Amino acid sequence: MTDNRHSMTCDEFHQQLPELIGSGADAPAHPHVQNCELCRDFLAELEAIAAAARELFPVEEPSDRVWEQIQSAIQEEEGKPSAT
């Protein structure tokens, strides 16, 4: 299999981008981005939007009490006889 990432078009890169991001790949290190100023700028804009969104909706960890309640509910459920 040949590596054609250097010769891909911007449209081809944009089509691959969701998969790259979803897989956790280092999109800024992709060869097309390294050689294409337009896609570098596009990726930088996406990263700025994602960072702003994270600030709008910060991730909050549930309290220890929530985890204790979940664990207790699971233990109660495991102790009950099967409904079948």
C-alpha atoms as a PDB file:
ATOM      1  CA  MET A   1       0.000   0.000   0.000  1.00  0.00           C
ATOM      2  CA  THR A   2       1.386   3.398  -0.923  1.00  0.00           C
ATOM      3  CA  ASP A   3       1.316   6.444   1.292  1.00  0.00           C
ATOM      4  CA  ASN A   4      -0.495   9.174  -0.644  1.00  0.00           C
ATOM      5  CA  ARG A   5      -1.058  11.493   2.334  1.00  0.00           C
ATOM      6  CA  HIS A   6       1.419  13.980   0.861  1.00  0.00           C
ATOM      7  CA  SER A   7      -0.518  14.316  -2.388  1.00  0.00           C
ATOM      8  CA  MET A   8      -4.060  14.387  -1.008  1.00  0.00           C
ATOM      9  CA  THR A   9      -6.320  17.318  -1.703  1.00  0.00           C
ATOM     10  CA  CYS A  10      -7.780  19.572   0.948  1.00  0.00           C
ATOM     11  CA  ASP A  11     -11.210  18.000   0.350  1.00  0.00           C
ATOM     12  CA  GLU A  12      -9.749  14.530   0.929  1.00  0.00           C
ATOM     13  CA  PHE A  13      -8.096  15.726   4.125  1.00  0.00           C
ATOM     14  CA  HIS A  14     -11.336  17.342   5.349  1.00  0.00           C
ATOM     15  CA  GLN A  15     -13.148  14.055   4.721  1.00  0.00           C
ATOM     16  CA  GLN A  16     -10.534  12.194   6.809  1.00  0.00           C
ATOM     17  CA  LEU A  17     -10.443  14.782   9.589  1.00  0.00           C
ATOM     18  CA  PRO A  18     -13.360  13.458  11.707  1.00  0.00           C
ATOM     19  CA  GLU A  19     -11.762  10.002  11.734  1.00  0.00           C
ATOM     20  CA  LEU A  20      -8.340  11.456  12.596  1.00  0.00           C
ATOM     21  CA  ILE A  21      -9.748  13.457  15.483  1.00  0.00           C
ATOM     22  CA  GLY A  22     -11.984  10.606  16.656  1.00  0.00           C
ATOM     23  CA  SER A  23      -9.091   8.174  16.717  1.00  0.00           C
ATOM     24  CA  GLY A  24      -6.949  10.524  18.788  1.00  0.00           C
ATOM     25  CA  ALA A  25      -4.394  10.882  16.003  1.00  0.00           C
ATOM     26  CA  ASP A  26      -2.141  13.927  16.021  1.00  0.00           C
ATOM     27  CA  ALA A  27      -3.929  15.817  13.222  1.00  0.00           C
ATOM     28  CA  PRO A  28      -1.463  18.753  13.222  1.00  0.00           C
ATOM     29  CA  ALA A  29       1.344  16.268  12.480  1.00  0.00           C
ATOM     30  CA  HIS A  30      -0.468  14.852   9.431  1.00  0.00           C
ATOM     31  CA  PRO A  31       1.702  15.279   6.307  1.00  0.00           C
ATOM     32  CA  HIS A  32      -1.020  17.178   4.434  1.00  0.00           C
ATOM     33  CA  VAL A  33      -1.318  19.704   7.264  1.00  0.00           C
ATOM     34  CA  GLN A  34       2.448  20.100   7.334  1.00  0.00           C
ATOM     35  CA  ASN A  35       2.385  21.072   3.648  1.00  0.00           C
ATOM     36  CA  CYS A  36      -0.897  23.001   3.414  1.00  0.00           C
ATOM     37  CA  GLU A  37      -1.282  26.415   5.013  1.00  0.00           C
ATOM     38  CA  LEU A  38      -5.048  26.469   4.384  1.00  0.00           C
ATOM     39  CA  CYS A  39      -5.597  23.200   6.270  1.00  0.00           C
ATOM     40  CA  ARG A  40      -3.219  24.280   9.056  1.00  0.00           C
ATOM     41  CA  ASP A  41      -5.322  27.423   9.509  1.00  0.00           C
ATOM     42  CA  PHE A  42      -8.557  25.411   9.294  1.00  0.00           C
ATOM     43  CA  LEU A  43      -7.330  22.961  11.933  1.00  0.00           C
ATOM     44  CA  ALA A  44      -6.195  25.822  14.188  1.00  0.00           C
ATOM     45  CA  GLU A  45      -9.668  27.368  13.929  1.00  0.00           C
ATOM     46  CA  LEU A  46     -11.305  24.046  14.808  1.00  0.00           C
ATOM     47  CA  GLU A  47      -9.029  23.689  17.823  1.00  0.00           C
ATOM     48  CA  ALA A  48      -9.892  27.243  18.967  1.00  0.00           C
ATOM     49  CA  ILE A  49     -13.615  26.484  18.645  1.00  0.00           C
ATOM     50  CA  ALA A  50     -13.216  23.222  20.584  1.00  0.00           C
ATOM     51  CA  ALA A  51     -11.270  24.995  23.347  1.00  0.00           C
ATOM     52  CA  ALA A  52     -13.953  27.688  23.616  1.00  0.00           C
ATOM     53  CA  ALA A  53     -16.678  25.026  23.780  1.00  0.00           C
ATOM     54  CA  ARG A  54     -14.839  23.239  26.595  1.00  0.00           C
ATOM     55  CA  GLU A  55     -14.807  26.501  28.558  1.00  0.00           C
ATOM     56  CA  LEU A  56     -18.549  26.955  28.026  1.00  0.00           C
ATOM     57  CA  PHE A  57     -19.318  23.449  29.228  1.00  0.00           C
ATOM     58  CA  PRO A  58     -16.612  22.413  31.663  1.00  0.00           C
ATOM     59  CA  VAL A  59     -16.514  18.772  32.654  1.00  0.00           C
ATOM     60  CA  GLU A  60     -17.356  18.321  36.292  1.00  0.00           C
ATOM     61  CA  GLU A  61     -16.575  15.108  38.083  1.00  0.00           C
ATOM     62  CA  PRO A  62     -19.436  13.681  40.125  1.00  0.00           C
ATOM     63  CA  SER A  63     -18.973  13.793  43.875  1.00  0.00           C
ATOM     64  CA  ASP A  64     -17.823  10.721  45.791  1.00  0.00           C
ATOM     65  CA  ARG A  65     -21.360  10.426  47.132  1.00  0.00           C
ATOM     66  CA  VAL A  66     -22.719   9.848  43.629  1.00  0.00           C
ATOM     67  CA  TRP A  67     -20.225   7.020  43.037  1.00  0.00           C
ATOM     68  CA  GLU A  68     -21.097   5.513  46.415  1.00  0.00           C
ATOM     69  CA  GLN A  69     -24.795   5.585  45.554  1.00  0.00           C
ATOM     70  CA  ILE A  70     -24.141   3.918  42.203  1.00  0.00           C
ATOM     71  CA  GLN A  71     -22.027   1.227  43.838  1.00  0.00           C
ATOM     72  CA  SER A  72     -24.665   0.658  46.506  1.00  0.00           C
ATOM     73  CA  ALA A  73     -27.420   0.352  43.882  1.00  0.00           C
ATOM     74  CA  ILE A  74     -25.349  -2.177  41.926  1.00  0.00           C
ATOM     75  CA  GLN A  75     -24.675  -4.218  45.039  1.00  0.00           C
ATOM     76  CA  GLU A  76     -28.385  -4.199  45.921  1.00  0.00           C
ATOM     77  CA  GLU A  77     -29.292  -5.268  42.393  1.00  0.00           C
ATOM     78  CA  GLU A  78     -26.743  -8.097  42.456  1.00  0.00           C
ATOM     79  CA  GLY A  79     -28.183  -9.344  45.742  1.00  0.00           C
ATOM     80  CA  LYS A  80     -31.743  -9.588  44.415  1.00  0.00           C
ATOM     81  CA  PRO A  81     -32.996 -12.851  42.939  1.00  0.00           C
ATOM     82  CA  SER A  82     -33.427 -12.884  39.182  1.00  0.00           C
ATOM     83  CA  ALA A  83     -36.880 -11.864  37.897  1.00  0.00           C
ATOM     84  CA  THR A  84     -36.996 -14.787  35.464  1.00  0.00           C
END
